[in-house]
Amino acid sequence: MELQVQNIKNRLRDETRAIPKAKVNLIAIYDFLVVCLLILLFQKLIEAALQQQKKLETISACVPSCIPERLTHLNQDANKCFNVQREEHKQELGFESLKPEEPAGPAPKEKKGRAPPPVWYVTGDELNSVPSYMKQRLTLDKVNAAIGDMATYAEANAQLIAAPRKKELREIAMTDGVKGKHFFLETDIKGPSLKLDNTGRALLTVLRHLGRISETRIGHHRVIILLRP
């Protein structure tokens, strides 16, 4: 009897020890099955991707390369048709009569007027670049005011050139070096900012130095020509 009980205990002990091993074996089998399923799934995905790539390559080989140009022509044709239909619709609604009448003959050509005198004001940096002995006590406002006066003198002379009694002025205007340019005479200098005094002579010297004017003598006249720097 004791021997049988001992045998039963031994068998129970063996069965108890075998249970963890069985669990480990089941987990290993489950992991293996999962890995196999994943491998099969990846293989299916790869096969599907390859098939899709073959289809796209086949479609790409069949597509003509001139599709953009053809589409452009189609769009142009469609726009032409739309414009024709729109014009016909306007005519039907009576909009055509609202257009302004075009002149019967060609429009007369406008005469090109003489360009206004150049007015190139001096900047602060330019005035600072002038030597002190030359600019003396001149300020930027005085220099630019003198430029405005000179433009006024030149504009007045440009209008007087066409006058019948200004033959001498026309001759000066046709002289080489003066022709086609805006100019004034020294006798035109009468203010308000530019005058024939020491300050006025200093202003002319500075403007000549900065390339705003040049001077020449024609007959007994001292001619001052406006320049573009």
C-alpha atoms as a PDB file:
ATOM      1  CA  MET A   1       0.000   0.000   0.000  1.00  0.00           C
ATOM      2  CA  GLU A   2       2.712   2.459   0.887  1.00  0.00           C
ATOM      3  CA  LEU A   3       4.482   1.514  -2.298  1.00  0.00           C
ATOM      4  CA  GLN A   4       1.417   2.398  -4.410  1.00  0.00           C
ATOM      5  CA  VAL A   5       0.991   5.722  -2.621  1.00  0.00           C
ATOM      6  CA  GLN A   6       4.636   6.495  -3.278  1.00  0.00           C
ATOM      7  CA  ASN A   7       4.203   5.666  -6.954  1.00  0.00           C
ATOM      8  CA  ILE A   8       1.198   7.996  -7.170  1.00  0.00           C
ATOM      9  CA  LYS A   9       3.172  10.821  -5.551  1.00  0.00           C
ATOM     10  CA  ASN A  10       6.059  10.319  -7.963  1.00  0.00           C
ATOM     11  CA  ARG A  11       3.717  10.369 -10.956  1.00  0.00           C
ATOM     12  CA  LEU A  12       2.014  13.556  -9.720  1.00  0.00           C
ATOM     13  CA  ARG A  13       5.401  15.202  -9.259  1.00  0.00           C
ATOM     14  CA  ASP A  14       6.442  14.243 -12.799  1.00  0.00           C
ATOM     15  CA  GLU A  15       3.185  15.567 -14.254  1.00  0.00           C
ATOM     16  CA  THR A  16       3.557  18.814 -12.342  1.00  0.00           C
ATOM     17  CA  ARG A  17       7.076  19.298 -13.644  1.00  0.00           C
ATOM     18  CA  ALA A  18       5.954  18.625 -17.234  1.00  0.00           C
ATOM     19  CA  ILE A  19       3.293  21.371 -17.193  1.00  0.00           C
ATOM     20  CA  PRO A  20       5.749  24.398 -17.584  1.00  0.00           C
ATOM     21  CA  LYS A  21       7.542  22.606 -20.408  1.00  0.00           C
ATOM     22  CA  ALA A  22       4.258  22.142 -22.245  1.00  0.00           C
ATOM     23  CA  LYS A  23       3.450  25.836 -21.805  1.00  0.00           C
ATOM     24  CA  VAL A  24       6.843  26.806 -23.193  1.00  0.00           C
ATOM     25  CA  ASN A  25       6.332  24.505 -26.163  1.00  0.00           C
ATOM     26  CA  LEU A  26       2.897  26.015 -26.883  1.00  0.00           C
ATOM     27  CA  ILE A  27       4.283  29.578 -26.786  1.00  0.00           C
ATOM     28  CA  ALA A  28       7.108  28.668 -29.141  1.00  0.00           C
ATOM     29  CA  ILE A  29       4.654  27.027 -31.557  1.00  0.00           C
ATOM     30  CA  TYR A  30       2.407  30.145 -31.452  1.00  0.00           C
ATOM     31  CA  ASP A  31       5.342  32.466 -32.171  1.00  0.00           C
ATOM     32  CA  PHE A  32       6.443  30.297 -35.049  1.00  0.00           C
ATOM     33  CA  LEU A  33       2.955  30.341 -36.575  1.00  0.00           C
ATOM     34  CA  VAL A  34       2.784  34.155 -36.288  1.00  0.00           C
ATOM     35  CA  VAL A  35       6.139  34.537 -38.037  1.00  0.00           C
ATOM     36  CA  CYS A  36       5.009  32.195 -40.822  1.00  0.00           C
ATOM     37  CA  LEU A  37       1.812  34.209 -41.316  1.00  0.00           C
ATOM     38  CA  LEU A  38       3.760  37.481 -41.486  1.00  0.00           C
ATOM     39  CA  ILE A  39       6.129  36.032 -44.062  1.00  0.00           C
ATOM     40  CA  LEU A  40       3.224  34.899 -46.206  1.00  0.00           C
ATOM     41  CA  LEU A  41       1.587  38.322 -45.885  1.00  0.00           C
ATOM     42  CA  PHE A  42       4.741  40.132 -46.977  1.00  0.00           C
ATOM     43  CA  GLN A  43       5.105  37.795 -49.936  1.00  0.00           C
ATOM     44  CA  LYS A  44       1.545  38.561 -51.015  1.00  0.00           C
ATOM     45  CA  LEU A  45       2.186  42.306 -50.703  1.00  0.00           C
ATOM     46  CA  ILE A  46       5.369  42.075 -52.745  1.00  0.00           C
ATOM     47  CA  GLU A  47       3.597  40.103 -55.472  1.00  0.00           C
ATOM     48  CA  ALA A  48       0.761  42.652 -55.581  1.00  0.00           C
ATOM     49  CA  ALA A  49       3.233  45.541 -55.802  1.00  0.00           C
ATOM     50  CA  LEU A  50       5.104  43.903 -58.655  1.00  0.00           C
ATOM     51  CA  GLN A  51       1.869  43.328 -60.551  1.00  0.00           C
ATOM     52  CA  GLN A  52       0.847  46.968 -60.039  1.00  0.00           C
ATOM     53  CA  GLN A  53       4.246  48.139 -61.267  1.00  0.00           C
ATOM     54  CA  LYS A  54       3.908  46.056 -64.436  1.00  0.00           C
ATOM     55  CA  LYS A  55       0.458  47.551 -65.086  1.00  0.00           C
ATOM     56  CA  LEU A  56       1.781  51.090 -64.655  1.00  0.00           C
ATOM     57  CA  GLU A  57       4.717  50.440 -66.957  1.00  0.00           C
ATOM     58  CA  THR A  58       2.327  49.080 -69.590  1.00  0.00           C
ATOM     59  CA  ILE A  59       0.062  52.122 -69.304  1.00  0.00           C
ATOM     60  CA  SER A  60       3.028  54.520 -69.427  1.00  0.00           C
ATOM     61  CA  ALA A  61       4.340  52.872 -72.596  1.00  0.00           C
ATOM     62  CA  CYS A  62       0.976  53.400 -74.281  1.00  0.00           C
ATOM     63  CA  VAL A  63       0.591  57.101 -73.353  1.00  0.00           C
ATOM     64  CA  PRO A  64       1.658  59.428 -76.240  1.00  0.00           C
ATOM     65  CA  SER A  65       4.223  62.105 -75.441  1.00  0.00           C
ATOM     66  CA  CYS A  66       2.306  64.897 -77.236  1.00  0.00           C
ATOM     67  CA  ILE A  67      -0.642  65.082 -74.842  1.00  0.00           C
ATOM     68  CA  PRO A  68       0.231  68.584 -73.466  1.00  0.00           C
ATOM     69  CA  GLU A  69       0.448  70.072 -76.959  1.00  0.00           C
ATOM     70  CA  ARG A  70      -2.811  68.495 -78.032  1.00  0.00           C
ATOM     71  CA  LEU A  71      -4.499  69.725 -74.909  1.00  0.00           C
ATOM     72  CA  THR A  72      -3.169  73.223 -75.608  1.00  0.00           C
ATOM     73  CA  HIS A  73      -4.669  73.195 -79.093  1.00  0.00           C
ATOM     74  CA  LEU A  74      -7.950  71.911 -77.739  1.00  0.00           C
ATOM     75  CA  ASN A  75      -8.029  74.702 -75.153  1.00  0.00           C
ATOM     76  CA  GLN A  76      -7.263  77.291 -77.827  1.00  0.00           C
ATOM     77  CA  ASP A  77     -10.034  75.959 -80.059  1.00  0.00           C
ATOM     78  CA  ALA A  78     -12.438  75.996 -77.143  1.00  0.00           C
ATOM     79  CA  ASN A  79     -11.529  79.597 -76.330  1.00  0.00           C
ATOM     80  CA  LYS A  80     -12.055  80.634 -79.948  1.00  0.00           C
ATOM     81  CA  CYS A  81     -15.466  79.009 -80.016  1.00  0.00           C
ATOM     82  CA  PHE A  82     -16.377  80.685 -76.731  1.00  0.00           C
ATOM     83  CA  ASN A  83     -15.299  84.107 -78.004  1.00  0.00           C
ATOM     84  CA  VAL A  84     -17.291  83.693 -81.228  1.00  0.00           C
ATOM     85  CA  GLN A  85     -20.377  82.662 -79.328  1.00  0.00           C
ATOM     86  CA  ARG A  86     -19.952  85.581 -76.918  1.00  0.00           C
ATOM     87  CA  GLU A  87     -19.692  88.104 -79.759  1.00  0.00           C
ATOM     88  CA  GLU A  88     -22.770  86.644 -81.441  1.00  0.00           C
ATOM     89  CA  HIS A  89     -24.630  86.850 -78.155  1.00  0.00           C
ATOM     90  CA  LYS A  90     -23.628  90.508 -77.764  1.00  0.00           C
ATOM     91  CA  GLN A  91     -24.906  91.306 -81.240  1.00  0.00           C
ATOM     92  CA  GLU A  92     -28.207  89.620 -80.502  1.00  0.00           C
ATOM     93  CA  LEU A  93     -28.627  91.682 -77.302  1.00  0.00           C
ATOM     94  CA  GLY A  94     -27.794  94.928 -79.119  1.00  0.00           C
ATOM     95  CA  PHE A  95     -24.541  95.612 -77.267  1.00  0.00           C
ATOM     96  CA  GLU A  96     -22.724  96.199 -80.540  1.00  0.00           C
ATOM     97  CA  SER A  97     -24.417  99.563 -80.950  1.00  0.00           C
ATOM     98  CA  LEU A  98     -22.924 100.789 -77.673  1.00  0.00           C
ATOM     99  CA  LYS A  99     -19.355 100.710 -79.034  1.00  0.00           C
ATOM    100  CA  PRO A 100     -17.875 104.140 -79.793  1.00  0.00           C
ATOM    101  CA  GLU A 101     -17.613 104.958 -83.458  1.00  0.00           C
ATOM    102  CA  GLU A 102     -14.103 104.669 -84.867  1.00  0.00           C
ATOM    103  CA  PRO A 103     -12.747 107.648 -86.791  1.00  0.00           C
ATOM    104  CA  ALA A 104     -13.021 107.325 -90.543  1.00  0.00           C
ATOM    105  CA  GLY A 105      -9.464 108.340 -91.264  1.00  0.00           C
ATOM    106  CA  PRO A 106      -6.164 107.757 -89.477  1.00  0.00           C
ATOM    107  CA  ALA A 107      -5.647 109.774 -86.339  1.00  0.00           C
ATOM    108  CA  PRO A 108      -3.395 112.792 -86.849  1.00  0.00           C
ATOM    109  CA  LYS A 109       0.082 112.361 -85.484  1.00  0.00           C
ATOM    110  CA  GLU A 110       0.805 114.415 -82.417  1.00  0.00           C
ATOM    111  CA  LYS A 111       3.737 116.712 -82.638  1.00  0.00           C
ATOM    112  CA  LYS A 112       6.467 115.810 -80.270  1.00  0.00           C
ATOM    113  CA  GLY A 113       7.101 118.716 -77.938  1.00  0.00           C
ATOM    114  CA  ARG A 114      10.483 119.704 -76.696  1.00  0.00           C
ATOM    115  CA  ALA A 115      11.501 117.860 -73.572  1.00  0.00           C
ATOM    116  CA  PRO A 116      11.534 119.938 -70.392  1.00  0.00           C
ATOM    117  CA  PRO A 117      14.884 121.146 -69.069  1.00  0.00           C
ATOM    118  CA  PRO A 118      16.734 118.605 -66.944  1.00  0.00           C
ATOM    119  CA  VAL A 119      16.398 119.254 -63.226  1.00  0.00           C
ATOM    120  CA  TRP A 120      18.951 117.085 -61.440  1.00  0.00           C
ATOM    121  CA  TYR A 121      19.152 118.216 -57.865  1.00  0.00           C
ATOM    122  CA  VAL A 122      22.342 117.820 -55.876  1.00  0.00           C
ATOM    123  CA  THR A 123      22.510 115.339 -53.012  1.00  0.00           C
ATOM    124  CA  GLY A 124      24.153 115.922 -49.677  1.00  0.00           C
ATOM    125  CA  ASP A 125      26.945 113.481 -50.474  1.00  0.00           C
ATOM    126  CA  GLU A 126      27.713 115.309 -53.713  1.00  0.00           C
ATOM    127  CA  LEU A 127      27.895 118.662 -52.009  1.00  0.00           C
ATOM    128  CA  ASN A 128      30.157 117.229 -49.299  1.00  0.00           C
ATOM    129  CA  SER A 129      32.513 115.967 -52.013  1.00  0.00           C
ATOM    130  CA  VAL A 130      33.090 119.535 -53.253  1.00  0.00           C
ATOM    131  CA  PRO A 131      36.276 121.150 -51.853  1.00  0.00           C
ATOM    132  CA  SER A 132      35.654 123.628 -49.059  1.00  0.00           C
ATOM    133  CA  TYR A 133      37.360 126.515 -50.849  1.00  0.00           C
ATOM    134  CA  MET A 134      34.954 126.033 -53.757  1.00  0.00           C
ATOM    135  CA  LYS A 135      31.603 125.672 -51.999  1.00  0.00           C
ATOM    136  CA  GLN A 136      32.437 128.238 -49.294  1.00  0.00           C
ATOM    137  CA  ARG A 137      29.296 128.640 -47.167  1.00  0.00           C
ATOM    138  CA  LEU A 138      26.792 127.299 -49.683  1.00  0.00           C
ATOM    139  CA  THR A 139      24.036 125.097 -48.349  1.00  0.00           C
ATOM    140  CA  LEU A 140      22.207 122.284 -50.099  1.00  0.00           C
ATOM    141  CA  ASP A 141      19.005 124.324 -50.234  1.00  0.00           C
ATOM    142  CA  LYS A 142      20.714 127.222 -51.985  1.00  0.00           C
ATOM    143  CA  VAL A 143      22.350 124.950 -54.550  1.00  0.00           C
ATOM    144  CA  ASN A 144      19.114 123.171 -55.429  1.00  0.00           C
ATOM    145  CA  ALA A 145      17.184 126.443 -55.536  1.00  0.00           C
ATOM    146  CA  ALA A 146      19.704 127.698 -58.104  1.00  0.00           C
ATOM    147  CA  ILE A 147      19.096 124.566 -60.187  1.00  0.00           C
ATOM    148  CA  GLY A 148      15.394 125.371 -60.185  1.00  0.00           C
ATOM    149  CA  ASP A 149      16.091 128.938 -61.370  1.00  0.00           C
ATOM    150  CA  MET A 150      18.332 127.719 -64.196  1.00  0.00           C
ATOM    151  CA  ALA A 151      15.602 125.337 -65.411  1.00  0.00           C
ATOM    152  CA  THR A 152      13.192 128.272 -65.480  1.00  0.00           C
ATOM    153  CA  TYR A 153      15.637 130.387 -67.548  1.00  0.00           C
ATOM    154  CA  ALA A 154      16.188 127.538 -70.015  1.00  0.00           C
ATOM    155  CA  GLU A 155      12.460 126.909 -70.416  1.00  0.00           C
ATOM    156  CA  ALA A 156      11.839 130.587 -71.147  1.00  0.00           C
ATOM    157  CA  ASN A 157      14.572 130.621 -73.818  1.00  0.00           C
ATOM    158  CA  ALA A 158      13.148 127.472 -75.415  1.00  0.00           C
ATOM    159  CA  GLN A 159       9.868 129.296 -75.895  1.00  0.00           C
ATOM    160  CA  LEU A 160      11.506 132.505 -77.153  1.00  0.00           C
ATOM    161  CA  ILE A 161      13.516 130.707 -79.843  1.00  0.00           C
ATOM    162  CA  ALA A 162      10.391 130.426 -82.002  1.00  0.00           C
ATOM    163  CA  ALA A 163       9.692 134.146 -81.770  1.00  0.00           C
ATOM    164  CA  PRO A 164      10.407 136.010 -85.049  1.00  0.00           C
ATOM    165  CA  ARG A 165      12.421 138.767 -83.386  1.00  0.00           C
ATOM    166  CA  LYS A 166      14.797 136.396 -81.557  1.00  0.00           C
ATOM    167  CA  LYS A 167      17.096 135.658 -84.496  1.00  0.00           C
ATOM    168  CA  GLU A 168      20.243 135.951 -82.392  1.00  0.00           C
ATOM    169  CA  LEU A 169      18.871 133.489 -79.843  1.00  0.00           C
ATOM    170  CA  ARG A 170      18.026 131.019 -82.624  1.00  0.00           C
ATOM    171  CA  GLU A 171      21.537 131.307 -83.998  1.00  0.00           C
ATOM    172  CA  ILE A 172      22.957 130.504 -80.581  1.00  0.00           C
ATOM    173  CA  ALA A 173      20.606 127.517 -80.303  1.00  0.00           C
ATOM    174  CA  MET A 174      21.878 126.144 -83.659  1.00  0.00           C
ATOM    175  CA  THR A 175      25.549 126.451 -82.718  1.00  0.00           C
ATOM    176  CA  ASP A 176      27.606 123.281 -82.349  1.00  0.00           C
ATOM    177  CA  GLY A 177      27.712 122.196 -78.731  1.00  0.00           C
ATOM    178  CA  VAL A 178      24.443 123.979 -77.970  1.00  0.00           C
ATOM    179  CA  LYS A 179      22.101 122.515 -80.578  1.00  0.00           C
ATOM    180  CA  GLY A 180      19.467 120.231 -79.063  1.00  0.00           C
ATOM    181  CA  LYS A 181      20.306 121.248 -75.504  1.00  0.00           C
ATOM    182  CA  HIS A 182      18.691 123.511 -72.956  1.00  0.00           C
ATOM    183  CA  PHE A 183      20.631 126.659 -72.222  1.00  0.00           C
ATOM    184  CA  PHE A 184      20.384 130.203 -70.907  1.00  0.00           C
ATOM    185  CA  LEU A 185      22.522 133.288 -71.096  1.00  0.00           C
ATOM    186  CA  GLU A 186      24.396 134.959 -68.294  1.00  0.00           C
ATOM    187  CA  THR A 187      22.202 138.008 -68.833  1.00  0.00           C
ATOM    188  CA  ASP A 188      19.146 135.854 -67.992  1.00  0.00           C
ATOM    189  CA  ILE A 189      20.318 135.411 -64.406  1.00  0.00           C
ATOM    190  CA  LYS A 190      18.013 137.624 -62.378  1.00  0.00           C
ATOM    191  CA  GLY A 191      17.095 135.586 -59.313  1.00  0.00           C
ATOM    192  CA  PRO A 192      15.287 134.904 -57.185  1.00  0.00           C
ATOM    193  CA  SER A 193      17.852 132.388 -55.893  1.00  0.00           C
ATOM    194  CA  LEU A 194      20.607 132.712 -58.495  1.00  0.00           C
ATOM    195  CA  LYS A 195      22.044 136.195 -58.946  1.00  0.00           C
ATOM    196  CA  LEU A 196      25.164 137.724 -60.470  1.00  0.00           C
ATOM    197  CA  ASP A 197      26.975 138.248 -57.181  1.00  0.00           C
ATOM    198  CA  ASN A 198      29.681 136.406 -55.295  1.00  0.00           C
ATOM    199  CA  THR A 199      27.246 133.770 -54.066  1.00  0.00           C
ATOM    200  CA  GLY A 200      25.855 133.293 -57.574  1.00  0.00           C
ATOM    201  CA  ARG A 201      29.340 132.834 -59.045  1.00  0.00           C
ATOM    202  CA  ALA A 202      30.144 130.315 -56.328  1.00  0.00           C
ATOM    203  CA  LEU A 203      26.948 128.436 -57.160  1.00  0.00           C
ATOM    204  CA  LEU A 204      27.862 128.283 -60.847  1.00  0.00           C
ATOM    205  CA  THR A 205      31.344 127.041 -59.961  1.00  0.00           C
ATOM    206  CA  VAL A 206      29.965 124.248 -57.754  1.00  0.00           C
ATOM    207  CA  LEU A 207      27.369 123.180 -60.333  1.00  0.00           C
ATOM    208  CA  ARG A 208      29.991 123.147 -63.065  1.00  0.00           C
ATOM    209  CA  HIS A 209      32.221 121.038 -60.842  1.00  0.00           C
ATOM    210  CA  LEU A 210      29.345 118.571 -60.223  1.00  0.00           C
ATOM    211  CA  GLY A 211      28.570 118.253 -63.939  1.00  0.00           C
ATOM    212  CA  ARG A 212      25.202 120.019 -63.862  1.00  0.00           C
ATOM    213  CA  ILE A 213      26.226 122.772 -66.290  1.00  0.00           C
ATOM    214  CA  SER A 214      28.875 123.666 -68.824  1.00  0.00           C
ATOM    215  CA  GLU A 215      29.804 127.111 -70.133  1.00  0.00           C
ATOM    216  CA  THR A 216      30.813 128.434 -73.528  1.00  0.00           C
ATOM    217  CA  ARG A 217      31.132 131.851 -75.129  1.00  0.00           C
ATOM    218  CA  ILE A 218      29.337 132.616 -78.398  1.00  0.00           C
ATOM    219  CA  GLY A 219      29.985 136.122 -79.673  1.00  0.00           C
ATOM    220  CA  HIS A 220      29.660 138.466 -76.749  1.00  0.00           C
ATOM    221  CA  HIS A 221      27.319 136.111 -74.892  1.00  0.00           C
ATOM    222  CA  ARG A 222      28.285 133.739 -72.114  1.00  0.00           C
ATOM    223  CA  VAL A 223      26.092 130.646 -72.659  1.00  0.00           C
ATOM    224  CA  ILE A 224      25.390 128.212 -69.836  1.00  0.00           C
ATOM    225  CA  ILE A 225      24.210 124.738 -70.929  1.00  0.00           C
ATOM    226  CA  LEU A 226      22.247 122.392 -68.661  1.00  0.00           C
ATOM    227  CA  LEU A 227      23.656 118.872 -68.482  1.00  0.00           C
ATOM    228  CA  ARG A 228      22.555 115.495 -67.203  1.00  0.00           C
ATOM    229  CA  PRO A 229      25.081 114.164 -64.671  1.00  0.00           C
END
